[in-house]
Amino acid sequence: MFAIIESGAKQYRVSVGDRILVERLGAAPGGKVEFDRVLLLADEGKVAVGRPRIEGATVRAVVEGERKGKKLHPLKKKRRKGYRRRIGHRQIATAVRIEAIIAG
């Protein structure tokens, strides 16, 4: 069984036991979170597609902690002015482990 969930304007394909990185949730490590924006559920050939999401379906997960993502280097430049600026940035993400997928 797997589900497609939406979190932080991104979509993730998850099944029970998966570990994923989502945008920062602000939950404490060891805490539980529920994703109620389930877009698709599939189980042994049966597929349920939401319009836009499946009512009553949830995905439960446990927060494992927060991590920093890979470093990004955006570049600012103004042509013909000799202006260039390069700044590094690391986005903070929350690591979660999927515990259960509940079809509504």
N, C-alpha and C. Protein backbone atom coordinates (compact mmCIF):
# COMPACT_ATOMS: atom_id res chain seq x y z
N MET A 1 0.85 -1.17 0.00
CA MET A 1 0.00 0.00 0.00
C MET A 1 0.89 1.24 0.00
N PHE A 2 0.53 2.21 -0.82
CA PHE A 2 1.25 3.47 -0.80
C PHE A 2 0.27 4.61 -0.97
N ALA A 3 0.75 5.81 -0.65
CA ALA A 3 -0.08 7.01 -0.76
C ALA A 3 0.77 8.14 -1.30
N ILE A 4 0.12 9.10 -1.91
CA ILE A 4 0.78 10.33 -2.31
C ILE A 4 0.20 11.44 -1.45
N ILE A 5 1.10 12.10 -0.70
CA ILE A 5 0.67 13.15 0.22
C ILE A 5 1.26 14.48 -0.23
N GLU A 6 0.67 15.54 0.27
CA GLU A 6 1.17 16.88 -0.02
C GLU A 6 1.57 17.55 1.29
N SER A 7 2.77 18.10 1.30
CA SER A 7 3.27 18.82 2.47
C SER A 7 4.21 19.92 2.00
N GLY A 8 3.93 21.13 2.38
CA GLY A 8 4.79 22.23 2.01
C GLY A 8 4.82 22.48 0.51
N ALA A 9 3.69 22.34 -0.17
CA ALA A 9 3.54 22.56 -1.61
C ALA A 9 4.37 21.57 -2.43
N LYS A 10 4.74 20.44 -1.82
CA LYS A 10 5.45 19.37 -2.54
C LYS A 10 4.68 18.08 -2.33
N GLN A 11 4.84 17.14 -3.26
CA GLN A 11 4.15 15.87 -3.16
C GLN A 11 5.17 14.75 -2.93
N TYR A 12 4.79 13.78 -2.09
CA TYR A 12 5.67 12.69 -1.73
C TYR A 12 4.92 11.36 -1.86
N ARG A 13 5.59 10.34 -2.41
CA ARG A 13 5.04 8.99 -2.49
C ARG A 13 5.57 8.24 -1.27
N VAL A 14 4.67 7.77 -0.40
CA VAL A 14 5.09 7.15 0.85
C VAL A 14 4.39 5.81 1.05
N SER A 15 5.06 4.94 1.77
CA SER A 15 4.46 3.70 2.24
C SER A 15 4.93 3.50 3.68
N VAL A 16 4.35 2.53 4.37
CA VAL A 16 4.66 2.33 5.79
C VAL A 16 6.13 1.96 5.95
N GLY A 17 6.81 2.64 6.87
CA GLY A 17 8.22 2.40 7.14
C GLY A 17 9.17 3.33 6.41
N ASP A 18 8.68 4.12 5.47
CA ASP A 18 9.54 5.04 4.72
C ASP A 18 10.00 6.19 5.61
N ARG A 19 11.19 6.69 5.31
CA ARG A 19 11.72 7.89 5.96
C ARG A 19 11.87 8.95 4.88
N ILE A 20 11.26 10.12 5.12
CA ILE A 20 11.32 11.19 4.13
C ILE A 20 11.69 12.50 4.81
N LEU A 21 12.18 13.44 4.01
CA LEU A 21 12.47 14.80 4.46
C LEU A 21 11.41 15.72 3.89
N VAL A 22 10.70 16.44 4.77
CA VAL A 22 9.70 17.41 4.34
C VAL A 22 10.14 18.78 4.83
N GLU A 23 9.50 19.81 4.31
CA GLU A 23 9.82 21.15 4.79
C GLU A 23 9.55 21.24 6.27
N ARG A 24 10.23 22.14 6.94
CA ARG A 24 10.20 22.27 8.40
C ARG A 24 8.77 22.31 8.93
N LEU A 25 8.48 21.41 9.90
CA LEU A 25 7.15 21.33 10.49
C LEU A 25 7.08 22.01 11.86
N GLY A 26 8.20 22.13 12.53
CA GLY A 26 8.21 22.76 13.85
C GLY A 26 7.77 21.83 14.97
N ALA A 27 7.77 20.52 14.73
CA ALA A 27 7.39 19.55 15.75
C ALA A 27 8.66 19.04 16.44
N ALA A 28 8.50 18.65 17.70
CA ALA A 28 9.63 18.15 18.48
C ALA A 28 9.98 16.72 18.06
N PRO A 29 11.26 16.33 18.16
CA PRO A 29 11.64 14.96 17.85
C PRO A 29 10.89 13.96 18.74
N GLY A 30 10.39 12.89 18.14
CA GLY A 30 9.60 11.92 18.87
C GLY A 30 8.11 12.21 18.83
N GLY A 31 7.76 13.41 18.39
CA GLY A 31 6.36 13.78 18.30
C GLY A 31 5.69 13.13 17.10
N LYS A 32 4.38 13.14 17.12
CA LYS A 32 3.62 12.54 16.03
C LYS A 32 2.97 13.63 15.19
N VAL A 33 2.94 13.41 13.88
CA VAL A 33 2.28 14.34 12.96
C VAL A 33 1.35 13.54 12.06
N GLU A 34 0.31 14.22 11.57
CA GLU A 34 -0.63 13.60 10.64
C GLU A 34 -0.69 14.45 9.39
N PHE A 35 -0.60 13.79 8.25
CA PHE A 35 -0.76 14.46 6.97
C PHE A 35 -2.16 14.13 6.46
N ASP A 36 -3.02 15.14 6.41
CA ASP A 36 -4.39 14.89 5.98
C ASP A 36 -4.63 15.24 4.51
N ARG A 37 -3.62 15.79 3.85
CA ARG A 37 -3.75 16.11 2.43
C ARG A 37 -3.25 14.90 1.61
N VAL A 38 -4.09 13.87 1.54
CA VAL A 38 -3.77 12.65 0.81
C VAL A 38 -4.41 12.77 -0.59
N LEU A 39 -3.57 12.70 -1.62
CA LEU A 39 -4.04 12.90 -2.98
C LEU A 39 -4.38 11.59 -3.69
N LEU A 40 -3.72 10.48 -3.29
CA LEU A 40 -3.93 9.20 -3.94
C LEU A 40 -3.63 8.07 -2.97
N LEU A 41 -4.44 7.01 -3.03
CA LEU A 41 -4.20 5.80 -2.25
C LEU A 41 -4.21 4.62 -3.21
N ALA A 42 -3.24 3.71 -3.08
CA ALA A 42 -3.19 2.52 -3.91
C ALA A 42 -2.89 1.32 -3.03
N ASP A 43 -3.67 0.24 -3.24
CA ASP A 43 -3.49 -0.98 -2.46
C ASP A 43 -3.83 -2.18 -3.32
N GLU A 44 -2.80 -2.92 -3.74
CA GLU A 44 -2.95 -4.16 -4.52
C GLU A 44 -3.89 -4.00 -5.71
N GLY A 45 -3.61 -3.06 -6.56
CA GLY A 45 -4.40 -2.87 -7.77
C GLY A 45 -5.59 -1.95 -7.62
N LYS A 46 -6.00 -1.64 -6.41
CA LYS A 46 -7.10 -0.70 -6.18
C LYS A 46 -6.52 0.69 -6.01
N VAL A 47 -7.01 1.63 -6.79
CA VAL A 47 -6.48 2.99 -6.74
C VAL A 47 -7.63 3.95 -6.46
N ALA A 48 -7.44 4.82 -5.46
CA ALA A 48 -8.41 5.87 -5.15
C ALA A 48 -7.72 7.21 -5.38
N VAL A 49 -8.32 8.01 -6.27
CA VAL A 49 -7.75 9.31 -6.60
C VAL A 49 -8.67 10.38 -6.04
N GLY A 50 -8.09 11.33 -5.32
CA GLY A 50 -8.87 12.41 -4.74
C GLY A 50 -9.11 13.54 -5.72
N ARG A 51 -10.19 14.29 -5.46
CA ARG A 51 -10.50 15.45 -6.30
C ARG A 51 -10.76 16.64 -5.41
N PRO A 52 -9.82 17.39 -4.95
CA PRO A 52 -8.39 17.27 -5.13
C PRO A 52 -7.73 16.32 -4.13
N ARG A 53 -8.43 16.00 -3.02
CA ARG A 53 -7.83 15.07 -2.05
C ARG A 53 -8.90 14.11 -1.54
N ILE A 54 -8.45 13.03 -0.89
CA ILE A 54 -9.36 12.00 -0.40
C ILE A 54 -9.81 12.40 1.00
N GLU A 55 -11.12 12.53 1.17
CA GLU A 55 -11.68 12.94 2.46
C GLU A 55 -11.55 11.80 3.48
N GLY A 56 -11.09 12.12 4.66
CA GLY A 56 -10.98 11.14 5.74
C GLY A 56 -9.71 10.32 5.74
N ALA A 57 -8.92 10.39 4.70
CA ALA A 57 -7.67 9.62 4.64
C ALA A 57 -6.56 10.42 5.32
N THR A 58 -5.75 9.73 6.11
CA THR A 58 -4.63 10.38 6.78
C THR A 58 -3.40 9.47 6.75
N VAL A 59 -2.26 10.09 6.89
CA VAL A 59 -1.00 9.36 7.00
C VAL A 59 -0.35 9.80 8.31
N ARG A 60 -0.07 8.84 9.19
CA ARG A 60 0.55 9.15 10.49
C ARG A 60 2.05 8.93 10.40
N ALA A 61 2.79 9.83 11.05
CA ALA A 61 4.25 9.75 11.02
C ALA A 61 4.82 10.18 12.36
N VAL A 62 6.07 9.77 12.60
CA VAL A 62 6.81 10.15 13.81
C VAL A 62 7.98 11.03 13.38
N VAL A 63 8.16 12.14 14.08
CA VAL A 63 9.25 13.06 13.77
C VAL A 63 10.55 12.50 14.32
N GLU A 64 11.56 12.40 13.45
CA GLU A 64 12.86 11.89 13.87
C GLU A 64 13.86 13.00 14.15
N GLY A 65 13.58 14.20 13.71
CA GLY A 65 14.48 15.32 13.96
C GLY A 65 14.51 16.31 12.81
N GLU A 66 15.35 17.30 12.94
CA GLU A 66 15.51 18.30 11.89
C GLU A 66 16.92 18.23 11.34
N ARG A 67 17.06 18.47 10.05
CA ARG A 67 18.35 18.46 9.38
C ARG A 67 18.43 19.63 8.42
N LYS A 68 19.65 19.97 8.06
CA LYS A 68 19.84 20.98 7.03
C LYS A 68 20.01 20.29 5.69
N GLY A 69 19.44 20.89 4.67
CA GLY A 69 19.57 20.35 3.32
C GLY A 69 20.90 20.74 2.71
N LYS A 70 21.07 20.41 1.43
CA LYS A 70 22.33 20.76 0.78
C LYS A 70 22.40 22.26 0.55
N LYS A 71 23.60 22.77 0.44
CA LYS A 71 23.81 24.21 0.33
C LYS A 71 23.49 24.70 -1.08
N LEU A 72 22.72 25.78 -1.14
CA LEU A 72 22.37 26.41 -2.40
C LEU A 72 23.11 27.73 -2.50
N HIS A 73 23.53 28.10 -3.70
CA HIS A 73 24.27 29.33 -3.91
C HIS A 73 23.55 30.21 -4.93
N PRO A 74 22.54 30.97 -4.51
CA PRO A 74 21.90 31.87 -5.46
C PRO A 74 22.85 33.01 -5.83
N LEU A 75 22.73 33.49 -7.03
CA LEU A 75 23.62 34.54 -7.53
C LEU A 75 22.80 35.74 -7.94
N LYS A 76 23.18 36.92 -7.43
CA LYS A 76 22.58 38.18 -7.87
C LYS A 76 23.56 38.87 -8.80
N LYS A 77 23.05 39.44 -9.85
CA LYS A 77 23.94 40.12 -10.79
C LYS A 77 23.19 41.23 -11.49
N LYS A 78 23.89 42.34 -11.68
CA LYS A 78 23.36 43.42 -12.51
C LYS A 78 24.30 43.61 -13.68
N ARG A 79 23.80 43.45 -14.85
CA ARG A 79 24.68 43.48 -16.01
C ARG A 79 25.26 44.87 -16.24
N ARG A 80 26.49 44.86 -16.68
CA ARG A 80 27.27 46.06 -17.02
C ARG A 80 27.53 46.99 -15.83
N LYS A 81 27.29 46.55 -14.62
CA LYS A 81 27.51 47.41 -13.44
C LYS A 81 28.62 46.88 -12.54
N GLY A 82 29.13 45.70 -12.83
CA GLY A 82 30.19 45.13 -12.00
C GLY A 82 29.68 44.62 -10.66
N TYR A 83 28.36 44.38 -10.55
CA TYR A 83 27.77 43.94 -9.30
C TYR A 83 27.45 42.46 -9.39
N ARG A 84 28.10 41.67 -8.51
CA ARG A 84 27.78 40.26 -8.37
C ARG A 84 27.81 39.91 -6.89
N ARG A 85 26.84 39.12 -6.46
CA ARG A 85 26.77 38.74 -5.06
C ARG A 85 26.33 37.28 -4.98
N ARG A 86 27.09 36.48 -4.24
CA ARG A 86 26.80 35.06 -4.11
C ARG A 86 26.70 34.72 -2.63
N ILE A 87 25.54 34.23 -2.21
CA ILE A 87 25.29 33.94 -0.81
C ILE A 87 24.87 32.47 -0.68
N GLY A 88 25.41 31.78 0.30
CA GLY A 88 25.02 30.39 0.55
C GLY A 88 23.81 30.33 1.48
N HIS A 89 23.02 29.27 1.30
CA HIS A 89 21.81 29.11 2.10
C HIS A 89 21.52 27.62 2.25
N ARG A 90 21.18 27.18 3.48
CA ARG A 90 20.78 25.79 3.72
C ARG A 90 19.40 25.77 4.34
N GLN A 91 18.46 25.16 3.65
CA GLN A 91 17.08 25.07 4.13
C GLN A 91 16.98 23.99 5.20
N ILE A 92 16.23 24.25 6.26
CA ILE A 92 16.04 23.27 7.32
C ILE A 92 14.84 22.39 6.97
N ALA A 93 15.02 21.07 7.08
CA ALA A 93 13.97 20.10 6.77
C ALA A 93 13.71 19.22 7.99
N THR A 94 12.52 18.65 8.05
CA THR A 94 12.15 17.75 9.13
C THR A 94 12.15 16.32 8.60
N ALA A 95 12.83 15.42 9.30
CA ALA A 95 12.86 14.00 8.91
C ALA A 95 11.74 13.29 9.65
N VAL A 96 10.89 12.57 8.89
CA VAL A 96 9.78 11.83 9.49
C VAL A 96 9.81 10.38 9.01
N ARG A 97 9.27 9.49 9.86
CA ARG A 97 9.12 8.07 9.52
C ARG A 97 7.63 7.76 9.46
N ILE A 98 7.19 7.19 8.37
CA ILE A 98 5.77 6.89 8.18
C ILE A 98 5.39 5.66 9.00
N GLU A 99 4.35 5.80 9.84
CA GLU A 99 3.89 4.71 10.69
C GLU A 99 2.67 4.00 10.14
N ALA A 100 1.70 4.76 9.64
CA ALA A 100 0.44 4.14 9.20
C ALA A 100 -0.20 4.97 8.11
N ILE A 101 -0.90 4.27 7.23
CA ILE A 101 -1.71 4.92 6.20
C ILE A 101 -3.15 4.48 6.45
N ILE A 102 -4.03 5.46 6.70
CA ILE A 102 -5.40 5.17 7.05
C ILE A 102 -6.32 5.69 5.94
N ALA A 103 -7.03 4.76 5.31
CA ALA A 103 -7.98 5.13 4.26
C ALA A 103 -9.28 5.53 4.92
N GLY A 104 -9.85 6.64 4.47
CA GLY A 104 -11.05 7.17 5.11
C GLY A 104 -12.32 6.51 4.69
